[in-house]
């Protein structure tokens, strides 16, 4: 009996198919108005994005999700407008994508010194990659089961601080105060 091996790409496409089945209901709920867009964002995200945009900062979105789906979700959640053409996601060929590669590309293409990079994220990879280039990583250790609770998830906090997070927040409820503290404006 011969077993057929599935390629890494085959597993990825099966994963994406199953993921799409799981989130199809959320997409439909947003389109029908049963769910608000902001209910699917980390609490206070829109206020943070508005504050960054008001300050004239160029914003970039980098995700481990396939780029096509990141762009679709960003549009559905009405956050694509903050990033314009600067939305980056995984590529079919995994060797052509990593968050580290995206960060390096953003810095290189826009002639930005690493020390001027301000990154917000809940994944240890982007926190670590931002720290490695000399940027300021702001970690979000949110209570995912209770979005907006204002409580820090202790396990996430420990993990994110362990890879270099300079600031840890439970969510963006105090976006203006956070930006004033970090940017001084």
Protein backbone atom coordinates (compact mmCIF):
# COMPACT_ATOMS: atom_id res chain seq x y z
CA UNK A 1 0.00 0.00 0.00
CA UNK A 2 1.49 3.31 -1.04
CA UNK A 3 0.81 6.46 0.88
CA UNK A 4 0.56 9.71 -0.98
CA UNK A 5 2.40 12.62 0.59
CA UNK A 6 0.74 15.98 0.50
CA UNK A 7 2.91 18.95 -0.36
CA UNK A 8 3.35 21.80 2.09
CA UNK A 9 1.30 23.90 -0.34
CA UNK A 10 -1.45 21.26 -0.32
CA UNK A 11 -1.67 21.36 3.47
CA UNK A 12 -1.74 25.14 3.42
CA UNK A 13 -4.60 25.24 0.92
CA UNK A 14 -6.57 22.70 2.96
CA UNK A 15 -5.94 24.77 6.10
CA UNK A 16 -7.16 27.91 4.31
CA UNK A 17 -10.25 26.11 3.05
CA UNK A 18 -11.15 24.98 6.57
CA UNK A 19 -10.40 28.42 8.00
CA UNK A 20 -12.64 30.06 5.42
CA UNK A 21 -15.46 27.70 6.43
CA UNK A 22 -15.03 28.78 10.06
CA UNK A 23 -15.04 32.52 9.38
CA UNK A 24 -17.68 32.59 6.64
CA UNK A 25 -20.37 33.14 9.27
CA UNK A 26 -18.55 36.16 10.70
CA UNK A 27 -18.15 37.67 7.25
CA UNK A 28 -21.84 37.24 6.52
CA UNK A 29 -22.78 38.65 9.93
CA UNK A 30 -20.80 41.81 9.19
CA UNK A 31 -22.31 42.15 5.73
CA UNK A 32 -25.83 41.71 7.12
CA UNK A 33 -25.25 44.05 10.05
CA UNK A 34 -25.66 41.38 12.75
CA UNK A 35 -22.06 42.06 13.86
CA UNK A 36 -20.26 45.38 13.93
CA UNK A 37 -16.84 45.65 12.35
CA UNK A 38 -15.33 46.96 15.56
CA UNK A 39 -16.55 43.93 17.52
CA UNK A 40 -14.01 41.86 15.58
CA UNK A 41 -11.10 44.25 16.20
CA UNK A 42 -9.06 44.50 19.38
CA UNK A 43 -10.94 46.97 21.58
CA UNK A 44 -9.96 50.54 20.69
CA UNK A 45 -8.16 49.65 17.44
CA UNK A 46 -9.98 52.22 15.35
CA UNK A 47 -9.16 55.01 17.84
CA UNK A 48 -5.50 53.97 17.70
CA UNK A 49 -5.47 53.95 13.89
CA UNK A 50 -7.25 57.33 13.79
CA UNK A 51 -4.70 58.75 16.23
CA UNK A 52 -1.73 57.46 14.23
CA UNK A 53 -3.23 58.78 11.00
CA UNK A 54 -3.98 62.21 12.52
CA UNK A 55 -0.33 62.44 13.50
CA UNK A 56 0.67 61.93 9.88
CA UNK A 57 2.37 58.57 10.33
CA UNK A 58 2.56 56.14 7.40
CA UNK A 59 0.89 52.90 8.45
CA UNK A 60 1.71 49.37 7.29
CA UNK A 61 -0.20 46.15 7.90
CA UNK A 62 1.72 42.88 7.97
CA UNK A 63 -0.01 39.57 8.63
CA UNK A 64 0.83 35.89 8.51
CA UNK A 65 -2.48 35.33 6.73
CA UNK A 66 -2.32 35.08 2.93
CA UNK A 67 -2.16 38.54 1.36
CA UNK A 68 -5.33 38.09 -0.69
CA UNK A 69 -7.32 37.28 2.46
CA UNK A 70 -5.66 40.04 4.53
CA UNK A 71 -6.71 42.62 1.96
CA UNK A 72 -10.24 41.20 1.80
CA UNK A 73 -10.59 41.19 5.59
CA UNK A 74 -9.05 44.67 5.95
CA UNK A 75 -11.62 46.00 3.48
CA UNK A 76 -14.49 44.16 5.19
CA UNK A 77 -13.44 45.53 8.59
CA UNK A 78 -12.98 49.02 7.11
CA UNK A 79 -9.33 49.32 8.11
CA UNK A 80 -7.78 49.09 4.64
CA UNK A 81 -8.21 52.87 4.28
CA UNK A 82 -5.57 53.42 6.97
CA UNK A 83 -2.93 51.43 5.09
CA UNK A 84 -3.60 52.10 1.41
CA UNK A 85 -1.25 50.00 -0.68
CA UNK A 86 0.80 49.00 2.36
CA UNK A 87 -0.95 45.74 3.24
CA UNK A 88 1.33 42.70 3.30
CA UNK A 89 0.51 39.05 3.83
CA UNK A 90 1.87 35.58 3.35
CA UNK A 91 2.68 34.35 -0.13
CA UNK A 92 1.92 30.91 -1.56
CA UNK A 93 5.61 30.17 -1.59
CA UNK A 94 6.36 30.35 2.13
CA UNK A 95 10.05 30.97 1.35
CA UNK A 96 9.08 34.39 -0.05
CA UNK A 97 7.39 35.56 3.12
CA UNK A 98 8.12 36.14 6.75
CA UNK A 99 7.27 39.07 8.96
CA UNK A 100 10.99 39.70 9.27
CA UNK A 101 11.23 39.96 5.46
CA UNK A 102 8.25 42.34 5.39
CA UNK A 103 9.75 44.57 8.08
CA UNK A 104 13.08 44.66 6.25
CA UNK A 105 11.29 45.46 2.97
CA UNK A 106 9.26 48.29 4.53
CA UNK A 107 12.38 49.83 6.04
CA UNK A 108 14.42 49.45 2.85
CA UNK A 109 11.80 50.63 0.34
CA UNK A 110 10.84 53.64 2.43
CA UNK A 111 14.34 54.52 3.64
CA UNK A 112 13.28 54.24 7.27
CA UNK A 113 15.86 53.63 9.99
CA UNK A 114 14.86 50.70 12.21
CA UNK A 115 14.88 52.98 15.25
CA UNK A 116 11.89 54.85 13.75
CA UNK A 117 9.73 51.73 13.50
CA UNK A 118 6.79 51.60 15.91
CA UNK A 119 5.01 48.25 15.79
CA UNK A 120 1.81 47.05 17.43
CA UNK A 121 1.09 43.35 17.61
CA UNK A 122 0.11 40.33 19.63
CA UNK A 123 2.51 37.84 18.10
CA UNK A 124 5.94 37.15 19.47
CA UNK A 125 7.47 37.08 15.96
CA UNK A 126 6.64 40.70 15.05
CA UNK A 127 7.61 41.87 18.53
CA UNK A 128 10.97 40.12 18.28
CA UNK A 129 11.57 41.26 14.67
CA UNK A 130 10.79 44.88 15.56
CA UNK A 131 13.18 44.75 18.50
CA UNK A 132 15.91 43.23 16.30
CA UNK A 133 15.86 46.23 13.94
CA UNK A 134 15.92 48.72 16.83
CA UNK A 135 12.23 49.63 16.72
CA UNK A 136 9.74 50.06 19.54
CA UNK A 137 7.39 47.08 19.86
CA UNK A 138 4.06 47.59 21.62
CA UNK A 139 2.62 44.22 22.59
CA UNK A 140 -1.08 43.55 22.93
CA UNK A 141 -1.68 40.86 25.52
CA UNK A 142 -5.45 40.96 25.19
CA UNK A 143 -8.04 38.79 26.86
CA UNK A 144 -9.35 37.31 23.61
CA UNK A 145 -12.29 35.57 25.23
CA UNK A 146 -13.52 38.92 26.60
CA UNK A 147 -12.57 41.60 24.08
CA UNK A 148 -12.56 44.96 25.83
CA UNK A 149 -12.25 43.59 29.35
CA UNK A 150 -9.12 45.67 29.91
CA UNK A 151 -7.38 42.66 31.43
CA UNK A 152 -3.91 41.54 30.39
CA UNK A 153 -3.49 37.86 29.57
CA UNK A 154 -0.59 36.96 31.88
CA UNK A 155 0.72 34.11 29.71
CA UNK A 156 0.80 36.33 26.60
CA UNK A 157 2.41 39.17 28.55
CA UNK A 158 5.21 36.96 29.83
CA UNK A 159 5.88 35.56 26.36
CA UNK A 160 5.86 38.99 24.66
CA UNK A 161 8.06 40.64 27.27
CA UNK A 162 10.42 37.66 26.88
CA UNK A 163 11.03 38.52 23.21
CA UNK A 164 11.54 42.23 23.79
CA UNK A 165 8.22 44.06 24.14
CA UNK A 166 8.91 47.54 25.48
CA UNK A 167 5.27 48.29 26.21
CA UNK A 168 2.43 45.85 26.97
CA UNK A 169 -1.24 46.82 26.82
CA UNK A 170 -4.42 44.77 27.26
CA UNK A 171 -6.07 46.59 24.32
CA UNK A 172 -6.21 50.12 22.90
CA UNK A 173 -8.81 51.60 25.26
CA UNK A 174 -6.43 54.45 26.11
CA UNK A 175 -5.14 55.00 22.58
CA UNK A 176 -4.63 58.77 22.90
CA UNK A 177 -2.77 58.51 26.21
CA UNK A 178 -0.64 55.68 24.80
CA UNK A 179 0.28 57.68 21.70
CA UNK A 180 1.05 60.80 23.78
CA UNK A 181 3.36 58.74 26.00
CA UNK A 182 5.14 57.06 23.08
CA UNK A 183 5.23 59.91 20.58
CA UNK A 184 5.06 62.90 22.88
CA UNK A 185 2.35 64.46 20.71
